[in-house]
Amino acid sequence: MKVACKLLIALAVDECAVFLRKRLSIDNAASLLAFTTSIKCFKLTDAVLRFVDKNFVPVSLTPEFCELPFPDLCLIIMRDSLNVDCESQV
């Protein structure tokens, strides 16, 4: 996907995005977010953020979440759509 993005091969980028979206899980959401923001794949970043919105608490308990770059962490915690019971979970 990284190479497809650099070479601007839209079909390959789209196919990679579909592949990664199908494999998106609680365990890989944080690392996939970091990856998609680093390569500026905005459609997939948005899909990952929507997944994190719905699954914030379990995603936040993964080791990868603690390793997120600060800008990616900010992308998550400033969202109004996070599925949490109270602000202390954020």
PDB file of N, CA and C in Angstrom:
ATOM      1  N   MET A   1       0.822  -1.185   0.000  1.00  0.00           N
ATOM      2  CA  MET A   1       0.000   0.000   0.000  1.00  0.00           C
ATOM      3  C   MET A   1       0.870   1.255   0.000  1.00  0.00           C
ATOM      4  N   LYS A   2       1.932   1.218   0.755  1.00  0.00           N
ATOM      5  CA  LYS A   2       2.824   2.375   0.825  1.00  0.00           C
ATOM      6  C   LYS A   2       3.378   2.711  -0.564  1.00  0.00           C
ATOM      7  N   VAL A   3       3.799   1.692  -1.287  1.00  0.00           N
ATOM      8  CA  VAL A   3       4.349   1.898  -2.629  1.00  0.00           C
ATOM      9  C   VAL A   3       3.258   2.388  -3.576  1.00  0.00           C
ATOM     10  N   ALA A   4       2.073   1.789  -3.478  1.00  0.00           N
ATOM     11  CA  ALA A   4       0.965   2.198  -4.345  1.00  0.00           C
ATOM     12  C   ALA A   4       0.606   3.662  -4.112  1.00  0.00           C
ATOM     13  N   CYS A   5       0.644   4.103  -2.866  1.00  0.00           N
ATOM     14  CA  CYS A   5       0.357   5.511  -2.561  1.00  0.00           C
ATOM     15  C   CYS A   5       1.421   6.426  -3.147  1.00  0.00           C
ATOM     16  N   LYS A   6       2.683   6.034  -2.994  1.00  0.00           N
ATOM     17  CA  LYS A   6       3.772   6.871  -3.513  1.00  0.00           C
ATOM     18  C   LYS A   6       3.727   6.963  -5.033  1.00  0.00           C
ATOM     19  N   LEU A   7       3.366   5.860  -5.676  1.00  0.00           N
ATOM     20  CA  LEU A   7       3.320   5.842  -7.136  1.00  0.00           C
ATOM     21  C   LEU A   7       1.968   6.297  -7.684  1.00  0.00           C
ATOM     22  N   LEU A   8       1.050   6.634  -6.783  1.00  0.00           N
ATOM     23  CA  LEU A   8      -0.278   7.113  -7.164  1.00  0.00           C
ATOM     24  C   LEU A   8      -1.024   6.114  -8.043  1.00  0.00           C
ATOM     25  N   ILE A   9      -0.978   4.859  -7.656  1.00  0.00           N
ATOM     26  CA  ILE A   9      -1.696   3.815  -8.373  1.00  0.00           C
ATOM     27  C   ILE A   9      -3.020   3.601  -7.643  1.00  0.00           C
ATOM     28  N   ALA A  10      -4.040   4.314  -8.089  1.00  0.00           N
ATOM     29  CA  ALA A  10      -5.318   4.377  -7.372  1.00  0.00           C
ATOM     30  C   ALA A  10      -5.965   3.008  -7.187  1.00  0.00           C
ATOM     31  N   LEU A  11      -5.973   2.188  -8.212  1.00  0.00           N
ATOM     32  CA  LEU A  11      -6.616   0.876  -8.104  1.00  0.00           C
ATOM     33  C   LEU A  11      -5.929   0.021  -7.045  1.00  0.00           C
ATOM     34  N   ALA A  12      -4.612   0.039  -7.019  1.00  0.00           N
ATOM     35  CA  ALA A  12      -3.873  -0.738  -6.020  1.00  0.00           C
ATOM     36  C   ALA A  12      -4.129  -0.198  -4.617  1.00  0.00           C
ATOM     37  N   VAL A  13      -4.183   1.109  -4.474  1.00  0.00           N
ATOM     38  CA  VAL A  13      -4.471   1.722  -3.171  1.00  0.00           C
ATOM     39  C   VAL A  13      -5.851   1.295  -2.704  1.00  0.00           C
ATOM     40  N   ASP A  14      -6.830   1.350  -3.592  1.00  0.00           N
ATOM     41  CA  ASP A  14      -8.196   0.966  -3.229  1.00  0.00           C
ATOM     42  C   ASP A  14      -8.282  -0.499  -2.825  1.00  0.00           C
ATOM     43  N   GLU A  15      -7.617  -1.365  -3.563  1.00  0.00           N
ATOM     44  CA  GLU A  15      -7.645  -2.794  -3.232  1.00  0.00           C
ATOM     45  C   GLU A  15      -6.959  -3.069  -1.896  1.00  0.00           C
ATOM     46  N   CYS A  16      -5.852  -2.398  -1.649  1.00  0.00           N
ATOM     47  CA  CYS A  16      -5.164  -2.547  -0.362  1.00  0.00           C
ATOM     48  C   CYS A  16      -6.044  -2.043   0.778  1.00  0.00           C
ATOM     49  N   ALA A  17      -6.735  -0.942   0.547  1.00  0.00           N
ATOM     50  CA  ALA A  17      -7.621  -0.383   1.573  1.00  0.00           C
ATOM     51  C   ALA A  17      -8.758  -1.344   1.889  1.00  0.00           C
ATOM     52  N   VAL A  18      -9.333  -1.951   0.879  1.00  0.00           N
ATOM     53  CA  VAL A  18     -10.397  -2.944   1.090  1.00  0.00           C
ATOM     54  C   VAL A  18      -9.852  -4.120   1.891  1.00  0.00           C
ATOM     55  N   PHE A  19      -8.686  -4.605   1.517  1.00  0.00           N
ATOM     56  CA  PHE A  19      -8.045  -5.725   2.216  1.00  0.00           C
ATOM     57  C   PHE A  19      -7.831  -5.389   3.692  1.00  0.00           C
ATOM     58  N   LEU A  20      -7.268  -4.218   3.969  1.00  0.00           N
ATOM     59  CA  LEU A  20      -6.984  -3.829   5.352  1.00  0.00           C
ATOM     60  C   LEU A  20      -8.259  -3.563   6.141  1.00  0.00           C
ATOM     61  N   ARG A  21      -9.255  -2.969   5.515  1.00  0.00           N
ATOM     62  CA  ARG A  21     -10.520  -2.685   6.195  1.00  0.00           C
ATOM     63  C   ARG A  21     -11.193  -3.984   6.635  1.00  0.00           C
ATOM     64  N   LYS A  22     -11.119  -5.022   5.796  1.00  0.00           N
ATOM     65  CA  LYS A  22     -11.724  -6.314   6.142  1.00  0.00           C
ATOM     66  C   LYS A  22     -11.020  -6.968   7.320  1.00  0.00           C
ATOM     67  N   ARG A  23      -9.765  -6.637   7.537  1.00  0.00           N
ATOM     68  CA  ARG A  23      -8.983  -7.247   8.608  1.00  0.00           C
ATOM     69  C   ARG A  23      -8.850  -6.351   9.839  1.00  0.00           C
ATOM     70  N   LEU A  24      -9.515  -5.228   9.826  1.00  0.00           N
ATOM     71  CA  LEU A  24      -9.483  -4.295  10.944  1.00  0.00           C
ATOM     72  C   LEU A  24     -10.077  -4.953  12.186  1.00  0.00           C
ATOM     73  N   SER A  25      -9.335  -4.884  13.284  1.00  0.00           N
ATOM     74  CA  SER A  25      -9.788  -5.496  14.536  1.00  0.00           C
ATOM     75  C   SER A  25      -9.353  -4.632  15.710  1.00  0.00           C
ATOM     76  N   ILE A  26      -9.830  -4.990  16.875  1.00  0.00           N
ATOM     77  CA  ILE A  26      -9.438  -4.271  18.089  1.00  0.00           C
ATOM     78  C   ILE A  26      -7.927  -4.333  18.269  1.00  0.00           C
ATOM     79  N   ASP A  27      -7.337  -5.471  17.982  1.00  0.00           N
ATOM     80  CA  ASP A  27      -5.899  -5.650  18.198  1.00  0.00           C
ATOM     81  C   ASP A  27      -5.024  -4.857  17.233  1.00  0.00           C
ATOM     82  N   ASN A  28      -5.514  -4.559  16.034  1.00  0.00           N
ATOM     83  CA  ASN A  28      -4.652  -3.859  15.073  1.00  0.00           C
ATOM     84  C   ASN A  28      -5.118  -2.441  14.734  1.00  0.00           C
ATOM     85  N   ALA A  29      -6.193  -1.979  15.352  1.00  0.00           N
ATOM     86  CA  ALA A  29      -6.753  -0.666  15.001  1.00  0.00           C
ATOM     87  C   ALA A  29      -5.767   0.473  15.232  1.00  0.00           C
ATOM     88  N   ALA A  30      -5.086   0.481  16.361  1.00  0.00           N
ATOM     89  CA  ALA A  30      -4.160   1.579  16.664  1.00  0.00           C
ATOM     90  C   ALA A  30      -2.983   1.592  15.692  1.00  0.00           C
ATOM     91  N   SER A  31      -2.406   0.439  15.442  1.00  0.00           N
ATOM     92  CA  SER A  31      -1.262   0.409  14.523  1.00  0.00           C
ATOM     93  C   SER A  31      -1.699   0.715  13.093  1.00  0.00           C
ATOM     94  N   LEU A  32      -2.903   0.292  12.721  1.00  0.00           N
ATOM     95  CA  LEU A  32      -3.399   0.612  11.383  1.00  0.00           C
ATOM     96  C   LEU A  32      -3.682   2.111  11.254  1.00  0.00           C
ATOM     97  N   LEU A  33      -4.165   2.726  12.313  1.00  0.00           N
ATOM     98  CA  LEU A  33      -4.370   4.176  12.290  1.00  0.00           C
ATOM     99  C   LEU A  33      -3.043   4.900  12.087  1.00  0.00           C
ATOM    100  N   ALA A  34      -2.032   4.504  12.834  1.00  0.00           N
ATOM    101  CA  ALA A  34      -0.716   5.130  12.694  1.00  0.00           C
ATOM    102  C   ALA A  34      -0.183   4.961  11.266  1.00  0.00           C
ATOM    103  N   PHE A  35      -0.382   3.787  10.701  1.00  0.00           N
ATOM    104  CA  PHE A  35       0.081   3.522   9.339  1.00  0.00           C
ATOM    105  C   PHE A  35      -0.664   4.385   8.328  1.00  0.00           C
ATOM    106  N   THR A  36      -1.992   4.405   8.427  1.00  0.00           N
ATOM    107  CA  THR A  36      -2.772   5.134   7.421  1.00  0.00           C
ATOM    108  C   THR A  36      -2.546   6.640   7.489  1.00  0.00           C
ATOM    109  N   THR A  37      -2.334   7.167   8.683  1.00  0.00           N
ATOM    110  CA  THR A  37      -2.049   8.605   8.763  1.00  0.00           C
ATOM    111  C   THR A  37      -0.653   8.906   8.228  1.00  0.00           C
ATOM    112  N   SER A  38       0.279   7.985   8.436  1.00  0.00           N
ATOM    113  CA  SER A  38       1.649   8.229   7.959  1.00  0.00           C
ATOM    114  C   SER A  38       1.740   8.252   6.435  1.00  0.00           C
ATOM    115  N   ILE A  39       0.873   7.479   5.771  1.00  0.00           N
ATOM    116  CA  ILE A  39       0.900   7.469   4.302  1.00  0.00           C
ATOM    117  C   ILE A  39      -0.207   8.342   3.702  1.00  0.00           C
ATOM    118  N   LYS A  40      -0.941   9.028   4.581  1.00  0.00           N
ATOM    119  CA  LYS A  40      -1.993   9.959   4.154  1.00  0.00           C
ATOM    120  C   LYS A  40      -3.078   9.289   3.311  1.00  0.00           C
ATOM    121  N   CYS A  41      -3.499   8.133   3.771  1.00  0.00           N
ATOM    122  CA  CYS A  41      -4.602   7.413   3.127  1.00  0.00           C
ATOM    123  C   CYS A  41      -5.881   7.778   3.883  1.00  0.00           C
ATOM    124  N   PHE A  42      -6.481   8.890   3.499  1.00  0.00           N
ATOM    125  CA  PHE A  42      -7.544   9.499   4.283  1.00  0.00           C
ATOM    126  C   PHE A  42      -8.815   8.661   4.359  1.00  0.00           C
ATOM    127  N   LYS A  43      -9.183   7.980   3.278  1.00  0.00           N
ATOM    128  CA  LYS A  43     -10.396   7.159   3.315  1.00  0.00           C
ATOM    129  C   LYS A  43     -10.257   6.025   4.321  1.00  0.00           C
ATOM    130  N   LEU A  44      -9.105   5.381   4.334  1.00  0.00           N
ATOM    131  CA  LEU A  44      -8.901   4.283   5.274  1.00  0.00           C
ATOM    132  C   LEU A  44      -8.728   4.818   6.691  1.00  0.00           C
ATOM    133  N   THR A  45      -8.076   5.957   6.842  1.00  0.00           N
ATOM    134  CA  THR A  45      -7.955   6.577   8.164  1.00  0.00           C
ATOM    135  C   THR A  45      -9.338   6.851   8.735  1.00  0.00           C
ATOM    136  N   ASP A  46     -10.234   7.367   7.913  1.00  0.00           N
ATOM    137  CA  ASP A  46     -11.594   7.649   8.365  1.00  0.00           C
ATOM    138  C   ASP A  46     -12.311   6.367   8.787  1.00  0.00           C
ATOM    139  N   ALA A  47     -12.130   5.291   8.042  1.00  0.00           N
ATOM    140  CA  ALA A  47     -12.754   4.011   8.399  1.00  0.00           C
ATOM    141  C   ALA A  47     -12.207   3.496   9.728  1.00  0.00           C
ATOM    142  N   VAL A  48     -10.905   3.626   9.925  1.00  0.00           N
ATOM    143  CA  VAL A  48     -10.294   3.183  11.187  1.00  0.00           C
ATOM    144  C   VAL A  48     -10.808   4.042  12.342  1.00  0.00           C
ATOM    145  N   LEU A  49     -10.901   5.338  12.145  1.00  0.00           N
ATOM    146  CA  LEU A  49     -11.403   6.220  13.206  1.00  0.00           C
ATOM    147  C   LEU A  49     -12.850   5.892  13.568  1.00  0.00           C
ATOM    148  N   ARG A  50     -13.678   5.575  12.584  1.00  0.00           N
ATOM    149  CA  ARG A  50     -15.062   5.175  12.883  1.00  0.00           C
ATOM    150  C   ARG A  50     -15.087   3.874  13.683  1.00  0.00           C
ATOM    151  N   PHE A  51     -14.195   2.943  13.356  1.00  0.00           N
ATOM    152  CA  PHE A  51     -14.094   1.689  14.109  1.00  0.00           C
ATOM    153  C   PHE A  51     -13.674   1.976  15.547  1.00  0.00           C
ATOM    154  N   VAL A  52     -12.684   2.844  15.715  1.00  0.00           N
ATOM    155  CA  VAL A  52     -12.210   3.200  17.058  1.00  0.00           C
ATOM    156  C   VAL A  52     -13.317   3.915  17.831  1.00  0.00           C
ATOM    157  N   ASP A  53     -14.096   4.746  17.155  1.00  0.00           N
ATOM    158  CA  ASP A  53     -15.234   5.401  17.812  1.00  0.00           C
ATOM    159  C   ASP A  53     -16.132   4.371  18.495  1.00  0.00           C
ATOM    160  N   LYS A  54     -16.443   3.316  17.773  1.00  0.00           N
ATOM    161  CA  LYS A  54     -17.367   2.295  18.278  1.00  0.00           C
ATOM    162  C   LYS A  54     -16.729   1.388  19.320  1.00  0.00           C
ATOM    163  N   ASN A  55     -15.417   1.253  19.282  1.00  0.00           N
ATOM    164  CA  ASN A  55     -14.713   0.285  20.134  1.00  0.00           C
ATOM    165  C   ASN A  55     -13.614   0.937  20.957  1.00  0.00           C
ATOM    166  N   PHE A  56     -13.831   2.165  21.401  1.00  0.00           N
ATOM    167  CA  PHE A  56     -12.752   2.922  22.022  1.00  0.00           C
ATOM    168  C   PHE A  56     -12.136   2.226  23.231  1.00  0.00           C
ATOM    169  N   VAL A  57     -12.946   1.782  24.170  1.00  0.00           N
ATOM    170  CA  VAL A  57     -12.392   1.223  25.409  1.00  0.00           C
ATOM    171  C   VAL A  57     -11.506   0.009  25.131  1.00  0.00           C
ATOM    172  N   PRO A  58     -11.987  -1.007  24.393  1.00  0.00           N
ATOM    173  CA  PRO A  58     -11.083  -2.141  24.138  1.00  0.00           C
ATOM    174  C   PRO A  58      -9.844  -1.767  23.321  1.00  0.00           C
ATOM    175  N   VAL A  59     -10.002  -0.865  22.353  1.00  0.00           N
ATOM    176  CA  VAL A  59      -8.841  -0.437  21.557  1.00  0.00           C
ATOM    177  C   VAL A  59      -7.839   0.287  22.446  1.00  0.00           C
ATOM    178  N   SER A  60      -8.334   1.110  23.361  1.00  0.00           N
ATOM    179  CA  SER A  60      -7.437   1.890  24.227  1.00  0.00           C
ATOM    180  C   SER A  60      -6.663   1.018  25.210  1.00  0.00           C
ATOM    181  N   LEU A  61      -7.095  -0.207  25.399  1.00  0.00           N
ATOM    182  CA  LEU A  61      -6.408  -1.119  26.318  1.00  0.00           C
ATOM    183  C   LEU A  61      -5.327  -1.954  25.634  1.00  0.00           C
ATOM    184  N   THR A  62      -5.159  -1.792  24.335  1.00  0.00           N
ATOM    185  CA  THR A  62      -4.134  -2.557  23.617  1.00  0.00           C
ATOM    186  C   THR A  62      -2.769  -1.891  23.775  1.00  0.00           C
ATOM    187  N   PRO A  63      -1.699  -2.673  23.741  1.00  0.00           N
ATOM    188  CA  PRO A  63      -0.356  -2.086  23.842  1.00  0.00           C
ATOM    189  C   PRO A  63      -0.056  -1.095  22.714  1.00  0.00           C
ATOM    190  N   GLU A  64      -0.589  -1.345  21.528  1.00  0.00           N
ATOM    191  CA  GLU A  64      -0.334  -0.465  20.386  1.00  0.00           C
ATOM    192  C   GLU A  64      -0.921   0.928  20.604  1.00  0.00           C
ATOM    193  N   PHE A  65      -2.012   1.010  21.346  1.00  0.00           N
ATOM    194  CA  PHE A  65      -2.638   2.309  21.598  1.00  0.00           C
ATOM    195  C   PHE A  65      -1.677   3.228  22.344  1.00  0.00           C
ATOM    196  N   CYS A  66      -0.942   2.671  23.280  1.00  0.00           N
ATOM    197  CA  CYS A  66       0.014   3.467  24.067  1.00  0.00           C
ATOM    198  C   CYS A  66       1.199   3.945  23.230  1.00  0.00           C
ATOM    199  N   GLU A  67       1.400   3.338  22.087  1.00  0.00           N
ATOM    200  CA  GLU A  67       2.519   3.696  21.215  1.00  0.00           C
ATOM    201  C   GLU A  67       2.112   4.630  20.071  1.00  0.00           C
ATOM    202  N   LEU A  68       0.853   5.044  20.052  1.00  0.00           N
ATOM    203  CA  LEU A  68       0.400   5.938  18.979  1.00  0.00           C
ATOM    204  C   LEU A  68       1.155   7.260  19.013  1.00  0.00           C
ATOM    205  N   PRO A  69       1.501   7.785  17.858  1.00  0.00           N
ATOM    206  CA  PRO A  69       2.074   9.133  17.819  1.00  0.00           C
ATOM    207  C   PRO A  69       1.052  10.135  18.365  1.00  0.00           C
ATOM    208  N   PHE A  70       1.545  11.190  18.982  1.00  0.00           N
ATOM    209  CA  PHE A  70       0.670  12.173  19.622  1.00  0.00           C
ATOM    210  C   PHE A  70      -0.408  12.725  18.683  1.00  0.00           C
ATOM    211  N   PRO A  71      -0.082  13.091  17.438  1.00  0.00           N
ATOM    212  CA  PRO A  71      -1.138  13.609  16.550  1.00  0.00           C
ATOM    213  C   PRO A  71      -2.262  12.593  16.302  1.00  0.00           C
ATOM    214  N   ASP A  72      -1.903  11.307  16.223  1.00  0.00           N
ATOM    215  CA  ASP A  72      -2.927  10.277  16.019  1.00  0.00           C
ATOM    216  C   ASP A  72      -3.794  10.120  17.262  1.00  0.00           C
ATOM    217  N   LEU A  73      -3.175  10.191  18.417  1.00  0.00           N
ATOM    218  CA  LEU A  73      -3.925  10.126  19.670  1.00  0.00           C
ATOM    219  C   LEU A  73      -4.901  11.304  19.757  1.00  0.00           C
ATOM    220  N   CYS A  74      -4.444  12.467  19.358  1.00  0.00           N
ATOM    221  CA  CYS A  74      -5.316  13.652  19.358  1.00  0.00           C
ATOM    222  C   CYS A  74      -6.491  13.474  18.400  1.00  0.00           C
ATOM    223  N   LEU A  75      -6.235  12.855  17.240  1.00  0.00           N
ATOM    224  CA  LEU A  75      -7.321  12.589  16.293  1.00  0.00           C
ATOM    225  C   LEU A  75      -8.439  11.791  16.951  1.00  0.00           C
ATOM    226  N   ILE A  76      -8.056  10.868  17.816  1.00  0.00           N
ATOM    227  CA  ILE A  76      -9.040  10.008  18.474  1.00  0.00           C
ATOM    228  C   ILE A  76      -9.752  10.739  19.601  1.00  0.00           C
ATOM    229  N   ILE A  77      -8.990  11.279  20.533  1.00  0.00           N
ATOM    230  CA  ILE A  77      -9.620  11.778  21.759  1.00  0.00           C
ATOM    231  C   ILE A  77     -10.420  13.065  21.567  1.00  0.00           C
ATOM    232  N   MET A  78     -10.212  13.771  20.466  1.00  0.00           N
ATOM    233  CA  MET A  78     -10.990  14.984  20.251  1.00  0.00           C
ATOM    234  C   MET A  78     -12.313  14.715  19.534  1.00  0.00           C
ATOM    235  N   ARG A  79     -12.579  13.458  19.205  1.00  0.00           N
ATOM    236  CA  ARG A  79     -13.812  13.114  18.493  1.00  0.00           C
ATOM    237  C   ARG A  79     -15.002  13.079  19.446  1.00  0.00           C
ATOM    238  N   ASP A  80     -16.091  13.664  19.021  1.00  0.00           N
ATOM    239  CA  ASP A  80     -17.317  13.666  19.813  1.00  0.00           C
ATOM    240  C   ASP A  80     -18.069  12.346  19.705  1.00  0.00           C
ATOM    241  N   SER A  81     -17.693  11.521  18.748  1.00  0.00           N
ATOM    242  CA  SER A  81     -18.436  10.295  18.485  1.00  0.00           C
ATOM    243  C   SER A  81     -17.875   9.061  19.192  1.00  0.00           C
ATOM    244  N   LEU A  82     -16.934   9.249  20.121  1.00  0.00           N
ATOM    245  CA  LEU A  82     -16.385   8.101  20.851  1.00  0.00           C
ATOM    246  C   LEU A  82     -17.479   7.425  21.670  1.00  0.00           C
ATOM    247  N   ASN A  83     -17.522   6.115  21.615  1.00  0.00           N
ATOM    248  CA  ASN A  83     -18.502   5.341  22.364  1.00  0.00           C
ATOM    249  C   ASN A  83     -17.936   5.040  23.752  1.00  0.00           C
ATOM    250  N   VAL A  84     -18.186   5.953  24.690  1.00  0.00           N
ATOM    251  CA  VAL A  84     -17.735   5.783  26.077  1.00  0.00           C
ATOM    252  C   VAL A  84     -18.891   6.132  27.005  1.00  0.00           C
ATOM    253  N   ASP A  85     -18.858   5.558  28.208  1.00  0.00           N
ATOM    254  CA  ASP A  85     -19.903   5.838  29.190  1.00  0.00           C
ATOM    255  C   ASP A  85     -19.681   7.172  29.892  1.00  0.00           C
ATOM    256  N   CYS A  86     -18.416   7.537  30.077  1.00  0.00           N
ATOM    257  CA  CYS A  86     -18.103   8.801  30.740  1.00  0.00           C
ATOM    258  C   CYS A  86     -16.730   9.283  30.266  1.00  0.00           C
ATOM    259  N   GLU A  87     -16.444  10.546  30.507  1.00  0.00           N
ATOM    260  CA  GLU A  87     -15.186  11.128  30.040  1.00  0.00           C
ATOM    261  C   GLU A  87     -13.967  10.496  30.684  1.00  0.00           C
ATOM    262  N   SER A  88     -14.119   9.928  31.856  1.00  0.00           N
ATOM    263  CA  SER A  88     -12.962   9.318  32.527  1.00  0.00           C
ATOM    264  C   SER A  88     -12.436   8.104  31.764  1.00  0.00           C
ATOM    265  N   GLN A  89     -13.235   7.531  30.878  1.00  0.00           N
ATOM    266  CA  GLN A  89     -12.763   6.413  30.060  1.00  0.00           C
ATOM    267  C   GLN A  89     -11.825   6.893  28.957  1.00  0.00           C
ATOM    268  N   VAL A  90     -11.841   8.169  28.689  1.00  0.00           N
ATOM    269  CA  VAL A  90     -10.970   8.740  27.669  1.00  0.00           C
ATOM    270  C   VAL A  90      -9.693   9.166  28.336  1.00  0.00           C
TER     271      VAL A  90
END
